Amino acid sequence: MSKLTGDEREDIPKSKFALPDERKYPVEDKAHARNAKARAAQQEKAGNLSAADKRTVDAKADRVLKGR
């Protein structure tokens, strides 16, 4: 994955983020979806992400991974 500039990240539609209001956890393709699930698990374990938000990230990433 290449690094994005701030402007490039802003160009990604909100619908491509698992937490669109915060523009966190991009899930635009399968690689990003897998990464989002892993990062969400880490952040939940560290106490920086709620269980409900982790479930949201997992659900959105699973839809991308299953091709929906």
PDB file of N, CA and C in Angstrom:
ATOM      1  N   MET A   1       0.835  -1.168   0.000  1.00  0.00           N
ATOM      2  CA  MET A   1       0.000   0.000   0.000  1.00  0.00           C
ATOM      3  C   MET A   1       0.884   1.236   0.000  1.00  0.00           C
ATOM      4  N   SER A   2       0.500   2.181  -0.788  1.00  0.00           N
ATOM      5  CA  SER A   2       1.268   3.419  -0.832  1.00  0.00           C
ATOM      6  C   SER A   2       0.739   4.404   0.204  1.00  0.00           C
ATOM      7  N   LYS A   3       1.591   5.333   0.578  1.00  0.00           N
ATOM      8  CA  LYS A   3       1.203   6.377   1.519  1.00  0.00           C
ATOM      9  C   LYS A   3       0.319   7.392   0.801  1.00  0.00           C
ATOM     10  N   LEU A   4      -0.684   7.866   1.479  1.00  0.00           N
ATOM     11  CA  LEU A   4      -1.583   8.878   0.924  1.00  0.00           C
ATOM     12  C   LEU A   4      -1.240  10.240   1.509  1.00  0.00           C
ATOM     13  N   THR A   5      -1.377  11.245   0.687  1.00  0.00           N
ATOM     14  CA  THR A   5      -1.281  12.597   1.218  1.00  0.00           C
ATOM     15  C   THR A   5      -2.618  12.932   1.865  1.00  0.00           C
ATOM     16  N   GLY A   6      -2.656  13.997   2.611  1.00  0.00           N
ATOM     17  CA  GLY A   6      -3.905  14.415   3.236  1.00  0.00           C
ATOM     18  C   GLY A   6      -4.983  14.704   2.210  1.00  0.00           C
ATOM     19  N   ASP A   7      -4.583  15.344   1.104  1.00  0.00           N
ATOM     20  CA  ASP A   7      -5.557  15.656   0.052  1.00  0.00           C
ATOM     21  C   ASP A   7      -6.087  14.384  -0.608  1.00  0.00           C
ATOM     22  N   GLU A   8      -5.206  13.412  -0.829  1.00  0.00           N
ATOM     23  CA  GLU A   8      -5.640  12.156  -1.450  1.00  0.00           C
ATOM     24  C   GLU A   8      -6.606  11.414  -0.528  1.00  0.00           C
ATOM     25  N   ARG A   9      -6.327  11.426   0.773  1.00  0.00           N
ATOM     26  CA  ARG A   9      -7.210  10.761   1.726  1.00  0.00           C
ATOM     27  C   ARG A   9      -8.574  11.442   1.749  1.00  0.00           C
ATOM     28  N   GLU A  10      -8.597  12.761   1.663  1.00  0.00           N
ATOM     29  CA  GLU A  10      -9.856  13.502   1.649  1.00  0.00           C
ATOM     30  C   GLU A  10     -10.678  13.196   0.398  1.00  0.00           C
ATOM     31  N   ASP A  11     -10.020  12.777  -0.679  1.00  0.00           N
ATOM     32  CA  ASP A  11     -10.729  12.463  -1.917  1.00  0.00           C
ATOM     33  C   ASP A  11     -11.439  11.109  -1.858  1.00  0.00           C
ATOM     34  N   ILE A  12     -11.086  10.276  -0.884  1.00  0.00           N
ATOM     35  CA  ILE A  12     -11.739   8.979  -0.744  1.00  0.00           C
ATOM     36  C   ILE A  12     -13.148   9.219  -0.198  1.00  0.00           C
ATOM     37  N   PRO A  13     -14.169   8.653  -0.843  1.00  0.00           N
ATOM     38  CA  PRO A  13     -15.546   8.861  -0.360  1.00  0.00           C
ATOM     39  C   PRO A  13     -15.746   8.294   1.050  1.00  0.00           C
ATOM     40  N   LYS A  14     -16.599   8.940   1.825  1.00  0.00           N
ATOM     41  CA  LYS A  14     -16.866   8.481   3.189  1.00  0.00           C
ATOM     42  C   LYS A  14     -17.377   7.036   3.210  1.00  0.00           C
ATOM     43  N   SER A  15     -18.028   6.625   2.137  1.00  0.00           N
ATOM     44  CA  SER A  15     -18.584   5.264   2.089  1.00  0.00           C
ATOM     45  C   SER A  15     -17.497   4.198   2.067  1.00  0.00           C
ATOM     46  N   LYS A  16     -16.263   4.581   1.809  1.00  0.00           N
ATOM     47  CA  LYS A  16     -15.150   3.630   1.759  1.00  0.00           C
ATOM     48  C   LYS A  16     -14.447   3.482   3.102  1.00  0.00           C
ATOM     49  N   PHE A  17     -15.005   4.077   4.158  1.00  0.00           N
ATOM     50  CA  PHE A  17     -14.443   3.966   5.501  1.00  0.00           C
ATOM     51  C   PHE A  17     -15.392   3.154   6.370  1.00  0.00           C
ATOM     52  N   ALA A  18     -14.840   2.330   7.249  1.00  0.00           N
ATOM     53  CA  ALA A  18     -15.674   1.545   8.154  1.00  0.00           C
ATOM     54  C   ALA A  18     -16.329   2.450   9.200  1.00  0.00           C
ATOM     55  N   LEU A  19     -15.648   3.510   9.592  1.00  0.00           N
ATOM     56  CA  LEU A  19     -16.220   4.511  10.498  1.00  0.00           C
ATOM     57  C   LEU A  19     -16.227   5.837   9.734  1.00  0.00           C
ATOM     58  N   PRO A  20     -17.242   6.024   8.881  1.00  0.00           N
ATOM     59  CA  PRO A  20     -17.225   7.154   7.947  1.00  0.00           C
ATOM     60  C   PRO A  20     -17.272   8.536   8.595  1.00  0.00           C
ATOM     61  N   ASP A  21     -17.948   8.688   9.719  1.00  0.00           N
ATOM     62  CA  ASP A  21     -18.029  10.008  10.347  1.00  0.00           C
ATOM     63  C   ASP A  21     -16.661  10.468  10.856  1.00  0.00           C
ATOM     64  N   GLU A  22     -15.835   9.509  11.247  1.00  0.00           N
ATOM     65  CA  GLU A  22     -14.491   9.824  11.716  1.00  0.00           C
ATOM     66  C   GLU A  22     -13.447   9.661  10.615  1.00  0.00           C
ATOM     67  N   ARG A  23     -13.879   9.124   9.465  1.00  0.00           N
ATOM     68  CA  ARG A  23     -12.989   8.827   8.336  1.00  0.00           C
ATOM     69  C   ARG A  23     -11.824   7.942   8.796  1.00  0.00           C
ATOM     70  N   LYS A  24     -12.182   6.887   9.533  1.00  0.00           N
ATOM     71  CA  LYS A  24     -11.192   5.931  10.032  1.00  0.00           C
ATOM     72  C   LYS A  24     -11.443   4.561   9.418  1.00  0.00           C
ATOM     73  N   TYR A  25     -10.388   3.796   9.318  1.00  0.00           N
ATOM     74  CA  TYR A  25     -10.416   2.425   8.832  1.00  0.00           C
ATOM     75  C   TYR A  25     -10.933   2.323   7.398  1.00  0.00           C
ATOM     76  N   PRO A  26     -10.110   2.753   6.437  1.00  0.00           N
ATOM     77  CA  PRO A  26     -10.529   2.626   5.035  1.00  0.00           C
ATOM     78  C   PRO A  26     -10.662   1.157   4.654  1.00  0.00           C
ATOM     79  N   VAL A  27     -11.725   0.840   3.935  1.00  0.00           N
ATOM     80  CA  VAL A  27     -11.979  -0.542   3.496  1.00  0.00           C
ATOM     81  C   VAL A  27     -12.311  -0.542   2.008  1.00  0.00           C
ATOM     82  N   GLU A  28     -11.503   0.164   1.228  1.00  0.00           N
ATOM     83  CA  GLU A  28     -11.803   0.318  -0.192  1.00  0.00           C
ATOM     84  C   GLU A  28     -11.511  -0.929  -1.015  1.00  0.00           C
ATOM     85  N   ASP A  29     -10.696  -1.838  -0.501  1.00  0.00           N
ATOM     86  CA  ASP A  29     -10.421  -3.097  -1.190  1.00  0.00           C
ATOM     87  C   ASP A  29     -10.111  -4.164  -0.143  1.00  0.00           C
ATOM     88  N   LYS A  30      -9.853  -5.385  -0.604  1.00  0.00           N
ATOM     89  CA  LYS A  30      -9.661  -6.498   0.337  1.00  0.00           C
ATOM     90  C   LYS A  30      -8.446  -6.305   1.235  1.00  0.00           C
ATOM     91  N   ALA A  31      -7.357  -5.775   0.691  1.00  0.00           N
ATOM     92  CA  ALA A  31      -6.158  -5.558   1.507  1.00  0.00           C
ATOM     93  C   ALA A  31      -6.444  -4.561   2.627  1.00  0.00           C
ATOM     94  N   HIS A  32      -7.129  -3.480   2.288  1.00  0.00           N
ATOM     95  CA  HIS A  32      -7.471  -2.491   3.304  1.00  0.00           C
ATOM     96  C   HIS A  32      -8.469  -3.061   4.313  1.00  0.00           C
ATOM     97  N   ALA A  33      -9.381  -3.880   3.861  1.00  0.00           N
ATOM     98  CA  ALA A  33     -10.371  -4.473   4.764  1.00  0.00           C
ATOM     99  C   ALA A  33      -9.695  -5.379   5.788  1.00  0.00           C
ATOM    100  N   ARG A  34      -8.769  -6.211   5.321  1.00  0.00           N
ATOM    101  CA  ARG A  34      -8.040  -7.083   6.259  1.00  0.00           C
ATOM    102  C   ARG A  34      -7.250  -6.250   7.266  1.00  0.00           C
ATOM    103  N   ASN A  35      -6.613  -5.194   6.775  1.00  0.00           N
ATOM    104  CA  ASN A  35      -5.834  -4.336   7.647  1.00  0.00           C
ATOM    105  C   ASN A  35      -6.735  -3.623   8.652  1.00  0.00           C
ATOM    106  N   ALA A  36      -7.884  -3.171   8.218  1.00  0.00           N
ATOM    107  CA  ALA A  36      -8.821  -2.482   9.123  1.00  0.00           C
ATOM    108  C   ALA A  36      -9.245  -3.397  10.262  1.00  0.00           C
ATOM    109  N   LYS A  37      -9.522  -4.658   9.948  1.00  0.00           N
ATOM    110  CA  LYS A  37      -9.917  -5.610  10.993  1.00  0.00           C
ATOM    111  C   LYS A  37      -8.793  -5.792  12.007  1.00  0.00           C
ATOM    112  N   ALA A  38      -7.563  -5.907  11.519  1.00  0.00           N
ATOM    113  CA  ALA A  38      -6.422  -6.105  12.408  1.00  0.00           C
ATOM    114  C   ALA A  38      -6.184  -4.879  13.279  1.00  0.00           C
ATOM    115  N   ARG A  39      -6.225  -3.695  12.691  1.00  0.00           N
ATOM    116  CA  ARG A  39      -5.989  -2.464  13.453  1.00  0.00           C
ATOM    117  C   ARG A  39      -7.108  -2.232  14.458  1.00  0.00           C
ATOM    118  N   ALA A  40      -8.345  -2.529  14.087  1.00  0.00           N
ATOM    119  CA  ALA A  40      -9.460  -2.353  15.015  1.00  0.00           C
ATOM    120  C   ALA A  40      -9.305  -3.282  16.216  1.00  0.00           C
ATOM    121  N   ALA A  41      -8.870  -4.502  15.975  1.00  0.00           N
ATOM    122  CA  ALA A  41      -8.656  -5.444  17.084  1.00  0.00           C
ATOM    123  C   ALA A  41      -7.565  -4.923  18.018  1.00  0.00           C
ATOM    124  N   GLN A  42      -6.498  -4.398  17.448  1.00  0.00           N
ATOM    125  CA  GLN A  42      -5.422  -3.840  18.269  1.00  0.00           C
ATOM    126  C   GLN A  42      -5.922  -2.661  19.099  1.00  0.00           C
ATOM    127  N   GLN A  43      -6.682  -1.774  18.475  1.00  0.00           N
ATOM    128  CA  GLN A  43      -7.147  -0.579  19.167  1.00  0.00           C
ATOM    129  C   GLN A  43      -8.177  -0.912  20.238  1.00  0.00           C
ATOM    130  N   GLU A  44      -8.999  -1.932  19.996  1.00  0.00           N
ATOM    131  CA  GLU A  44      -9.953  -2.346  21.030  1.00  0.00           C
ATOM    132  C   GLU A  44      -9.198  -2.910  22.228  1.00  0.00           C
ATOM    133  N   LYS A  45      -8.208  -3.742  21.953  1.00  0.00           N
ATOM    134  CA  LYS A  45      -7.430  -4.351  23.029  1.00  0.00           C
ATOM    135  C   LYS A  45      -6.694  -3.286  23.846  1.00  0.00           C
ATOM    136  N   ALA A  46      -6.248  -2.223  23.173  1.00  0.00           N
ATOM    137  CA  ALA A  46      -5.540  -1.134  23.852  1.00  0.00           C
ATOM    138  C   ALA A  46      -6.495  -0.185  24.571  1.00  0.00           C
ATOM    139  N   GLY A  47      -7.794  -0.367  24.364  1.00  0.00           N
ATOM    140  CA  GLY A  47      -8.778   0.472  25.025  1.00  0.00           C
ATOM    141  C   GLY A  47      -9.080   1.768  24.288  1.00  0.00           C
ATOM    142  N   ASN A  48      -8.653   1.860  23.023  1.00  0.00           N
ATOM    143  CA  ASN A  48      -8.864   3.074  22.241  1.00  0.00           C
ATOM    144  C   ASN A  48     -10.070   3.002  21.313  1.00  0.00           C
ATOM    145  N   LEU A  49     -10.726   1.848  21.270  1.00  0.00           N
ATOM    146  CA  LEU A  49     -11.870   1.652  20.382  1.00  0.00           C
ATOM    147  C   LEU A  49     -12.912   0.832  21.134  1.00  0.00           C
ATOM    148  N   SER A  50     -14.146   1.246  21.048  1.00  0.00           N
ATOM    149  CA  SER A  50     -15.205   0.525  21.756  1.00  0.00           C
ATOM    150  C   SER A  50     -15.505  -0.799  21.043  1.00  0.00           C
ATOM    151  N   ALA A  51     -16.100  -1.705  21.769  1.00  0.00           N
ATOM    152  CA  ALA A  51     -16.488  -2.992  21.189  1.00  0.00           C
ATOM    153  C   ALA A  51     -17.512  -2.792  20.080  1.00  0.00           C
ATOM    154  N   ALA A  52     -18.409  -1.834  20.258  1.00  0.00           N
ATOM    155  CA  ALA A  52     -19.421  -1.558  19.233  1.00  0.00           C
ATOM    156  C   ALA A  52     -18.776  -1.053  17.951  1.00  0.00           C
ATOM    157  N   ASP A  53     -17.791  -0.157  18.069  1.00  0.00           N
ATOM    158  CA  ASP A  53     -17.099   0.341  16.876  1.00  0.00           C
ATOM    159  C   ASP A  53     -16.298  -0.773  16.214  1.00  0.00           C
ATOM    160  N   LYS A  54     -15.716  -1.665  17.004  1.00  0.00           N
ATOM    161  CA  LYS A  54     -14.975  -2.793  16.417  1.00  0.00           C
ATOM    162  C   LYS A  54     -15.919  -3.686  15.628  1.00  0.00           C
ATOM    163  N   ARG A  55     -17.118  -3.940  16.169  1.00  0.00           N
ATOM    164  CA  ARG A  55     -18.096  -4.747  15.447  1.00  0.00           C
ATOM    165  C   ARG A  55     -18.491  -4.064  14.132  1.00  0.00           C
ATOM    166  N   THR A  56     -18.610  -2.747  14.154  1.00  0.00           N
ATOM    167  CA  THR A  56     -18.937  -1.994  12.941  1.00  0.00           C
ATOM    168  C   THR A  56     -17.830  -2.148  11.907  1.00  0.00           C
ATOM    169  N   VAL A  57     -16.586  -2.001  12.340  1.00  0.00           N
ATOM    170  CA  VAL A  57     -15.444  -2.152  11.426  1.00  0.00           C
ATOM    171  C   VAL A  57     -15.423  -3.562  10.857  1.00  0.00           C
ATOM    172  N   ASP A  58     -15.591  -4.563  11.719  1.00  0.00           N
ATOM    173  CA  ASP A  58     -15.571  -5.952  11.260  1.00  0.00           C
ATOM    174  C   ASP A  58     -16.684  -6.226  10.247  1.00  0.00           C
ATOM    175  N   ALA A  59     -17.867  -5.724  10.508  1.00  0.00           N
ATOM    176  CA  ALA A  59     -19.001  -5.968   9.607  1.00  0.00           C
ATOM    177  C   ALA A  59     -18.758  -5.342   8.241  1.00  0.00           C
ATOM    178  N   LYS A  60     -18.302  -4.099   8.226  1.00  0.00           N
ATOM    179  CA  LYS A  60     -18.047  -3.421   6.947  1.00  0.00           C
ATOM    180  C   LYS A  60     -16.902  -4.107   6.200  1.00  0.00           C
ATOM    181  N   ALA A  61     -15.846  -4.478   6.912  1.00  0.00           N
ATOM    182  CA  ALA A  61     -14.714  -5.157   6.280  1.00  0.00           C
ATOM    183  C   ALA A  61     -15.130  -6.527   5.746  1.00  0.00           C
ATOM    184  N   ASP A  62     -15.958  -7.239   6.491  1.00  0.00           N
ATOM    185  CA  ASP A  62     -16.423  -8.553   6.032  1.00  0.00           C
ATOM    186  C   ASP A  62     -17.229  -8.438   4.743  1.00  0.00           C
ATOM    187  N   ARG A  63     -18.033  -7.388   4.619  1.00  0.00           N
ATOM    188  CA  ARG A  63     -18.778  -7.188   3.372  1.00  0.00           C
ATOM    189  C   ARG A  63     -17.836  -6.991   2.195  1.00  0.00           C
ATOM    190  N   VAL A  64     -16.765  -6.244   2.389  1.00  0.00           N
ATOM    191  CA  VAL A  64     -15.779  -6.026   1.334  1.00  0.00           C
ATOM    192  C   VAL A  64     -15.061  -7.335   1.011  1.00  0.00           C
ATOM    193  N   LEU A  65     -14.690  -8.084   2.040  1.00  0.00           N
ATOM    194  CA  LEU A  65     -13.963  -9.337   1.836  1.00  0.00           C
ATOM    195  C   LEU A  65     -14.816 -10.393   1.129  1.00  0.00           C
ATOM    196  N   LYS A  66     -16.123 -10.353   1.352  1.00  0.00           N
ATOM    197  CA  LYS A  66     -17.017 -11.313   0.697  1.00  0.00           C
ATOM    198  C   LYS A  66     -17.486 -10.832  -0.655  1.00  0.00           C
ATOM    199  N   GLY A  67     -17.077  -9.619  -1.039  1.00  0.00           N
ATOM    200  CA  GLY A  67     -17.411  -9.113  -2.353  1.00  0.00           C
ATOM    201  C   GLY A  67     -18.807  -8.545  -2.487  1.00  0.00           C
ATOM    202  N   ARG A  68     -19.366  -8.057  -1.419  1.00  0.00           N
ATOM    203  CA  ARG A  68     -20.721  -7.467  -1.470  1.00  0.00           C
ATOM    204  C   ARG A  68     -20.662  -5.989  -1.669  1.00  0.00           C
TER     205      ARG A  68
END
